Structure formats: C-alpha cells, structure tokens
Amino acid sequence: MNIVGVGYAEPEVNEAWAAAEGYAFELWTDRDRVLAESYGAVADFDPDSPLRHAYLLDAEGQAVLFYEGAVSVGPPASQVLADCQLLYGE
C-alpha cells in the first residue's frame, strides 16, 4: 500500500510543505493537471489549486473509493486503513 499526495506546486515546494506539516508520504507534481483532470480534481473557481479530494485506488489506478471534499489533506488515516482492510484484507 502506498500513500501519495498530488499537487500543482513544483517538487521543491511540495517537499518543503510536506516537511513543515510532518507528512511522510510522497508528493507528486501535476503541473499539467493531467492527474487532476483524470480524477475530477480541477477547481473551476480556482484553476491554480486542485480540489482536496482523496481517492483509494486499486493496483491499476482505478478509483475504488472517493472521499469528497477533504477539507484538510484527506480523510482520517484510520478510515482509509479500515477501508483497505475491508477491500483488500491489508
């Protein structure tokens, strides 16, 4: 199981932000908004910021569960882990 965050900022900005917040997961840069478009996370009201949604993906990258409008960085980790255990036994 991997946890990955995706944003529009340059890698150095993402890395500094993650360090400041204490996040240990990877952050990917989506400057061209390819992933954001694929997963419906482009904000019409602010094209410079992706919507803060969270997705649980299968091995092929297909969304299995969708956590809409995560106000913080995402749903509580305990919720995602419980969902993983139900779906995958992990």
C-alpha atoms as a PDB file:
ATOM      1  CA  MET A   1       0.000   0.000   0.000  1.00  0.00           C
ATOM      2  CA  ASN A   2       1.300   3.470  -0.924  1.00  0.00           C
ATOM      3  CA  ILE A   3       0.093   6.903   0.075  1.00  0.00           C
ATOM      4  CA  VAL A   4       0.739   9.669  -2.432  1.00  0.00           C
ATOM      5  CA  GLY A   5      -0.329  13.301  -2.472  1.00  0.00           C
ATOM      6  CA  VAL A   6      -0.584  15.228  -5.721  1.00  0.00           C
ATOM      7  CA  GLY A   7      -0.489  18.981  -6.207  1.00  0.00           C
ATOM      8  CA  TYR A   8       0.384  21.599  -8.780  1.00  0.00           C
ATOM      9  CA  ALA A   9       3.415  23.038  -6.968  1.00  0.00           C
ATOM     10  CA  GLU A  10       6.980  22.346  -8.023  1.00  0.00           C
ATOM     11  CA  PRO A  11       8.668  19.371  -6.298  1.00  0.00           C
ATOM     12  CA  GLU A  12      10.774  21.599  -4.038  1.00  0.00           C
ATOM     13  CA  VAL A  13       7.680  23.459  -2.828  1.00  0.00           C
ATOM     14  CA  ASN A  14       5.806  20.193  -2.203  1.00  0.00           C
ATOM     15  CA  GLU A  15       8.780  18.762  -0.331  1.00  0.00           C
ATOM     16  CA  ALA A  16       9.124  21.839   1.910  1.00  0.00           C
ATOM     17  CA  TRP A  17       5.377  21.872   2.622  1.00  0.00           C
ATOM     18  CA  ALA A  18       5.320  18.165   3.492  1.00  0.00           C
ATOM     19  CA  ALA A  19       8.311  18.583   5.812  1.00  0.00           C
ATOM     20  CA  ALA A  20       6.691  21.568   7.547  1.00  0.00           C
ATOM     21  CA  GLU A  21       3.456  19.600   8.036  1.00  0.00           C
ATOM     22  CA  GLY A  22       5.258  16.441   9.145  1.00  0.00           C
ATOM     23  CA  TYR A  23       3.904  14.295   6.305  1.00  0.00           C
ATOM     24  CA  ALA A  24       5.940  11.217   5.452  1.00  0.00           C
ATOM     25  CA  PHE A  25       4.179  10.278   2.200  1.00  0.00           C
ATOM     26  CA  GLU A  26       5.281  11.100  -1.335  1.00  0.00           C
ATOM     27  CA  LEU A  27       4.036  14.254  -3.050  1.00  0.00           C
ATOM     28  CA  TRP A  28       3.897  14.318  -6.825  1.00  0.00           C
ATOM     29  CA  THR A  29       3.829  17.407  -9.040  1.00  0.00           C
ATOM     30  CA  ASP A  30       0.989  17.622 -11.571  1.00  0.00           C
ATOM     31  CA  ARG A  31       1.871  20.931 -13.281  1.00  0.00           C
ATOM     32  CA  ASP A  32      -0.038  19.983 -16.444  1.00  0.00           C
ATOM     33  CA  ARG A  33      -3.065  18.929 -14.353  1.00  0.00           C
ATOM     34  CA  VAL A  34      -3.223  15.512 -16.059  1.00  0.00           C
ATOM     35  CA  LEU A  35      -3.985  13.589 -12.856  1.00  0.00           C
ATOM     36  CA  ALA A  36      -6.299  16.318 -11.569  1.00  0.00           C
ATOM     37  CA  GLU A  37      -8.283  16.165 -14.828  1.00  0.00           C
ATOM     38  CA  SER A  38      -8.367  12.356 -14.746  1.00  0.00           C
ATOM     39  CA  TYR A  39      -9.779  12.267 -11.231  1.00  0.00           C
ATOM     40  CA  GLY A  40     -12.040  15.329 -11.438  1.00  0.00           C
ATOM     41  CA  ALA A  41      -9.965  17.442  -9.065  1.00  0.00           C
ATOM     42  CA  VAL A  42      -9.583  20.651 -11.102  1.00  0.00           C
ATOM     43  CA  ALA A  43     -11.306  23.523  -9.322  1.00  0.00           C
ATOM     44  CA  ASP A  44     -13.392  25.692 -11.655  1.00  0.00           C
ATOM     45  CA  PHE A  45     -13.308  28.566  -9.173  1.00  0.00           C
ATOM     46  CA  ASP A  46      -9.513  28.446  -8.702  1.00  0.00           C
ATOM     47  CA  PRO A  47      -7.611  26.724 -11.513  1.00  0.00           C
ATOM     48  CA  ASP A  48      -4.328  27.243  -9.626  1.00  0.00           C
ATOM     49  CA  SER A  49      -5.356  24.888  -6.812  1.00  0.00           C
ATOM     50  CA  PRO A  50      -6.648  21.324  -7.100  1.00  0.00           C
ATOM     51  CA  LEU A  51      -9.723  20.274  -5.164  1.00  0.00           C
ATOM     52  CA  ARG A  52      -8.838  18.467  -1.963  1.00  0.00           C
ATOM     53  CA  HIS A  53     -10.338  15.092  -2.632  1.00  0.00           C
ATOM     54  CA  ALA A  54      -8.908  11.761  -1.608  1.00  0.00           C
ATOM     55  CA  TYR A  55      -9.156   8.510  -3.533  1.00  0.00           C
ATOM     56  CA  LEU A  56      -8.419   4.915  -2.710  1.00  0.00           C
ATOM     57  CA  LEU A  57      -7.062   3.367  -5.914  1.00  0.00           C
ATOM     58  CA  ASP A  58      -6.601  -0.215  -6.966  1.00  0.00           C
ATOM     59  CA  ALA A  59      -3.361  -1.539  -8.490  1.00  0.00           C
ATOM     60  CA  GLU A  60      -4.412  -0.297 -11.943  1.00  0.00           C
ATOM     61  CA  GLY A  61      -5.098   3.256 -10.738  1.00  0.00           C
ATOM     62  CA  GLN A  62      -8.881   2.945 -10.823  1.00  0.00           C
ATOM     63  CA  ALA A  63     -10.739   4.764  -8.058  1.00  0.00           C
ATOM     64  CA  VAL A  64     -12.299   2.259  -5.675  1.00  0.00           C
ATOM     65  CA  LEU A  65     -13.417   4.746  -3.025  1.00  0.00           C
ATOM     66  CA  PHE A  66     -13.825   8.510  -3.192  1.00  0.00           C
ATOM     67  CA  TYR A  67     -13.587  10.805  -0.173  1.00  0.00           C
ATOM     68  CA  GLU A  68     -15.134  14.032  -1.443  1.00  0.00           C
ATOM     69  CA  GLY A  69     -14.017  17.477  -0.406  1.00  0.00           C
ATOM     70  CA  ALA A  70     -11.432  16.528   2.164  1.00  0.00           C
ATOM     71  CA  VAL A  71     -11.055  19.884   3.918  1.00  0.00           C
ATOM     72  CA  SER A  72      -7.676  19.026   5.351  1.00  0.00           C
ATOM     73  CA  VAL A  73      -5.274  16.891   3.382  1.00  0.00           C
ATOM     74  CA  GLY A  74      -7.597  13.922   3.381  1.00  0.00           C
ATOM     75  CA  PRO A  75      -9.837  11.659   5.378  1.00  0.00           C
ATOM     76  CA  PRO A  76      -8.593  10.350   8.690  1.00  0.00           C
ATOM     77  CA  ALA A  77      -5.918   7.736   8.118  1.00  0.00           C
ATOM     78  CA  SER A  78      -7.831   5.309  10.326  1.00  0.00           C
ATOM     79  CA  GLN A  79     -10.793   5.485   7.939  1.00  0.00           C
ATOM     80  CA  VAL A  80      -8.655   4.790   4.868  1.00  0.00           C
ATOM     81  CA  LEU A  81      -6.853   1.914   6.606  1.00  0.00           C
ATOM     82  CA  ALA A  82     -10.171   0.384   7.690  1.00  0.00           C
ATOM     83  CA  ASP A  83     -11.436   0.657   4.092  1.00  0.00           C
ATOM     84  CA  CYS A  84      -8.246  -1.026   2.820  1.00  0.00           C
ATOM     85  CA  GLN A  85      -8.721  -3.880   5.273  1.00  0.00           C
ATOM     86  CA  LEU A  86     -12.332  -4.364   4.149  1.00  0.00           C
ATOM     87  CA  LEU A  87     -11.467  -4.268   0.447  1.00  0.00           C
ATOM     88  CA  TYR A  88      -8.083  -5.936   0.340  1.00  0.00           C
ATOM     89  CA  GLY A  89      -7.531  -7.608   3.704  1.00  0.00           C
ATOM     90  CA  GLU A  90      -4.393  -5.493   4.218  1.00  0.00           C
END
